[in-house]
């Protein structure tokens, strides 16, 4: 997961800010289309229940955090 997020950061040149980064499942395995748009990729990762994301203060900013514990 961390490798995918690093790839997203480099490919889309977007600013990614992490909240609760320590709680991300860093070694999770995911399958996704890296040619898709960034919001689509983030939505797919969110459906895996590995991250939550929201738009940041700028158009190119996204805030990524670990899902809330149940």
N, C-alpha and C. Protein backbone atom coordinates (compact mmCIF):
# COMPACT_ATOMS: atom_id res chain seq x y z
N UNK A 1 0.83 -1.20 0.00
CA UNK A 1 0.00 0.00 0.00
C UNK A 1 0.87 1.26 0.00
N UNK A 2 1.89 1.26 0.79
CA UNK A 2 2.76 2.44 0.84
C UNK A 2 3.44 2.65 -0.51
N UNK A 3 3.84 1.57 -1.18
CA UNK A 3 4.44 1.71 -2.51
C UNK A 3 3.44 2.32 -3.50
N UNK A 4 2.18 1.91 -3.41
CA UNK A 4 1.15 2.46 -4.29
C UNK A 4 0.96 3.95 -4.01
N UNK A 5 0.91 4.33 -2.76
CA UNK A 5 0.73 5.74 -2.41
C UNK A 5 1.93 6.56 -2.87
N UNK A 6 3.13 6.01 -2.72
CA UNK A 6 4.33 6.70 -3.22
C UNK A 6 4.27 6.87 -4.73
N UNK A 7 3.81 5.83 -5.43
CA UNK A 7 3.66 5.90 -6.88
C UNK A 7 2.65 6.98 -7.27
N UNK A 8 1.53 7.03 -6.59
CA UNK A 8 0.49 8.03 -6.86
C UNK A 8 1.08 9.43 -6.69
N UNK A 9 1.82 9.61 -5.63
CA UNK A 9 2.41 10.92 -5.35
C UNK A 9 3.34 11.35 -6.49
N UNK A 10 4.14 10.43 -7.00
CA UNK A 10 5.08 10.76 -8.08
C UNK A 10 4.37 10.92 -9.41
N UNK A 11 3.41 10.05 -9.71
CA UNK A 11 2.75 10.07 -11.01
C UNK A 11 1.86 11.29 -11.20
N UNK A 12 1.07 11.61 -10.19
CA UNK A 12 0.10 12.67 -10.33
C UNK A 12 0.60 14.02 -9.83
N UNK A 13 1.77 14.02 -9.23
CA UNK A 13 2.36 15.24 -8.69
C UNK A 13 1.35 16.00 -7.83
N UNK A 14 0.64 15.26 -7.04
CA UNK A 14 -0.34 15.84 -6.11
C UNK A 14 0.27 15.83 -4.72
N UNK A 15 -0.24 16.67 -3.92
CA UNK A 15 0.23 16.68 -2.54
C UNK A 15 -0.65 15.74 -1.73
N UNK A 16 -0.02 14.78 -1.12
CA UNK A 16 -0.73 13.85 -0.27
C UNK A 16 -0.32 14.12 1.17
N UNK A 17 -1.28 14.31 2.00
CA UNK A 17 -1.02 14.52 3.42
C UNK A 17 -1.60 13.33 4.16
N UNK A 18 -0.84 12.83 5.11
CA UNK A 18 -1.27 11.66 5.86
C UNK A 18 -1.71 12.03 7.26
N UNK A 19 -2.81 11.48 7.67
CA UNK A 19 -3.26 11.52 9.05
C UNK A 19 -3.27 10.07 9.53
N UNK A 20 -2.83 9.83 10.69
CA UNK A 20 -2.83 8.48 11.26
C UNK A 20 -2.06 7.50 10.38
N UNK A 21 -0.93 7.95 9.83
CA UNK A 21 -0.15 7.12 8.91
C UNK A 21 0.32 5.82 9.56
N UNK A 22 0.60 5.87 10.84
CA UNK A 22 1.09 4.67 11.52
C UNK A 22 0.06 3.55 11.52
N UNK A 23 -1.23 3.92 11.39
CA UNK A 23 -2.28 2.90 11.43
C UNK A 23 -2.62 2.34 10.06
N UNK A 24 -1.99 2.85 8.99
CA UNK A 24 -2.24 2.28 7.66
C UNK A 24 -1.69 0.87 7.59
N UNK A 25 -2.40 0.01 6.88
CA UNK A 25 -1.93 -1.36 6.67
C UNK A 25 -0.92 -1.31 5.53
N UNK A 26 0.31 -1.13 5.87
CA UNK A 26 1.35 -0.83 4.89
C UNK A 26 1.66 -1.99 3.94
N UNK A 27 1.49 -3.22 4.40
CA UNK A 27 1.83 -4.36 3.56
C UNK A 27 0.61 -4.97 2.88
N UNK A 28 -0.50 -4.27 2.85
CA UNK A 28 -1.72 -4.77 2.20
C UNK A 28 -1.48 -4.93 0.70
N UNK A 29 -2.05 -5.97 0.14
CA UNK A 29 -1.94 -6.22 -1.30
C UNK A 29 -3.21 -5.70 -1.97
N UNK A 30 -3.05 -4.93 -3.03
CA UNK A 30 -4.18 -4.37 -3.75
C UNK A 30 -4.00 -4.57 -5.25
N UNK A 31 -5.11 -4.64 -5.96
CA UNK A 31 -5.10 -4.72 -7.41
C UNK A 31 -5.90 -3.54 -7.93
N UNK A 32 -5.25 -2.69 -8.72
CA UNK A 32 -5.95 -1.55 -9.29
C UNK A 32 -5.30 -1.09 -10.57
N UNK A 33 -6.06 -0.32 -11.32
CA UNK A 33 -5.58 0.22 -12.59
C UNK A 33 -4.85 1.53 -12.33
N UNK A 34 -3.54 1.52 -12.45
CA UNK A 34 -2.76 2.72 -12.17
C UNK A 34 -2.83 3.74 -13.30
N UNK A 35 -3.51 3.39 -14.39
CA UNK A 35 -3.73 4.35 -15.47
C UNK A 35 -5.00 5.17 -15.25
N UNK A 36 -5.77 4.84 -14.24
CA UNK A 36 -7.00 5.57 -13.94
C UNK A 36 -6.67 6.94 -13.34
N UNK A 37 -7.68 7.79 -13.27
CA UNK A 37 -7.52 9.10 -12.63
C UNK A 37 -7.30 8.92 -11.14
N UNK A 38 -6.66 9.90 -10.54
CA UNK A 38 -6.36 9.82 -9.11
C UNK A 38 -7.60 9.62 -8.23
N UNK A 39 -8.67 10.37 -8.41
CA UNK A 39 -9.84 10.13 -7.55
C UNK A 39 -10.39 8.71 -7.68
N UNK A 40 -10.32 8.13 -8.88
CA UNK A 40 -10.78 6.76 -9.08
C UNK A 40 -9.89 5.79 -8.31
N UNK A 41 -8.58 5.98 -8.40
CA UNK A 41 -7.65 5.11 -7.66
C UNK A 41 -7.91 5.21 -6.16
N UNK A 42 -8.08 6.43 -5.66
CA UNK A 42 -8.32 6.59 -4.22
C UNK A 42 -9.64 5.97 -3.81
N UNK A 43 -10.67 6.05 -4.66
CA UNK A 43 -11.95 5.43 -4.34
C UNK A 43 -11.83 3.91 -4.28
N UNK A 44 -11.04 3.33 -5.20
CA UNK A 44 -10.83 1.88 -5.18
C UNK A 44 -10.12 1.48 -3.89
N UNK A 45 -9.09 2.21 -3.52
CA UNK A 45 -8.39 1.91 -2.26
C UNK A 45 -9.34 2.05 -1.07
N UNK A 46 -10.23 3.00 -1.16
CA UNK A 46 -11.20 3.19 -0.07
C UNK A 46 -12.17 2.02 -0.01
N UNK A 47 -12.55 1.44 -1.16
CA UNK A 47 -13.46 0.28 -1.13
C UNK A 47 -12.79 -0.94 -0.53
N UNK A 48 -11.47 -1.02 -0.61
CA UNK A 48 -10.74 -2.10 0.07
C UNK A 48 -10.72 -1.88 1.58
N UNK A 49 -11.22 -0.75 2.03
CA UNK A 49 -11.24 -0.37 3.46
C UNK A 49 -9.84 -0.23 4.01
N UNK A 50 -8.90 0.23 3.17
CA UNK A 50 -7.52 0.43 3.61
C UNK A 50 -7.23 1.88 3.93
N UNK A 51 -7.96 2.79 3.29
CA UNK A 51 -7.75 4.22 3.51
C UNK A 51 -9.09 4.93 3.50
N UNK A 52 -9.08 6.13 4.01
CA UNK A 52 -10.15 7.09 3.74
C UNK A 52 -9.45 8.32 3.17
N UNK A 53 -10.15 9.05 2.33
CA UNK A 53 -9.53 10.24 1.78
C UNK A 53 -10.56 11.34 1.63
N UNK A 54 -10.05 12.54 1.60
CA UNK A 54 -10.89 13.71 1.37
C UNK A 54 -10.05 14.76 0.66
N UNK A 55 -10.73 15.69 0.01
CA UNK A 55 -10.02 16.77 -0.65
C UNK A 55 -9.40 17.67 0.40
N UNK A 56 -8.22 18.17 0.09
CA UNK A 56 -7.55 19.11 0.97
C UNK A 56 -7.99 20.53 0.67
N UNK A 57 -7.26 21.47 1.19
CA UNK A 57 -7.59 22.89 1.00
C UNK A 57 -7.35 23.36 -0.43
N UNK A 58 -6.40 22.76 -1.13
CA UNK A 58 -6.14 23.15 -2.51
C UNK A 58 -6.73 22.10 -3.46
N UNK A 59 -6.85 22.45 -4.72
CA UNK A 59 -7.42 21.54 -5.71
C UNK A 59 -6.60 20.28 -5.89
N UNK A 60 -5.30 20.38 -5.71
CA UNK A 60 -4.40 19.26 -5.94
C UNK A 60 -4.02 18.53 -4.67
N UNK A 61 -4.71 18.77 -3.59
CA UNK A 61 -4.35 18.17 -2.31
C UNK A 61 -5.39 17.14 -1.86
N UNK A 62 -4.90 16.03 -1.37
CA UNK A 62 -5.76 15.00 -0.80
C UNK A 62 -5.23 14.62 0.56
N UNK A 63 -6.12 14.40 1.49
CA UNK A 63 -5.76 13.97 2.83
C UNK A 63 -6.11 12.49 2.94
N UNK A 64 -5.11 11.68 3.25
CA UNK A 64 -5.29 10.23 3.35
C UNK A 64 -5.10 9.83 4.81
N UNK A 65 -6.01 9.00 5.29
CA UNK A 65 -5.87 8.52 6.66
C UNK A 65 -6.31 7.06 6.73
N UNK A 66 -5.98 6.44 7.82
CA UNK A 66 -6.41 5.07 8.07
C UNK A 66 -7.89 5.09 8.42
N UNK A 67 -8.62 4.04 8.05
CA UNK A 67 -10.03 3.99 8.44
C UNK A 67 -10.17 3.97 9.95
N UNK A 68 -11.31 4.45 10.41
CA UNK A 68 -11.56 4.45 11.85
C UNK A 68 -11.69 3.03 12.35
N UNK A 69 -11.14 2.78 13.53
CA UNK A 69 -11.26 1.45 14.14
C UNK A 69 -12.70 1.23 14.56
N UNK A 70 -13.12 -0.02 14.42
CA UNK A 70 -14.50 -0.37 14.79
C UNK A 70 -14.54 -0.94 16.18
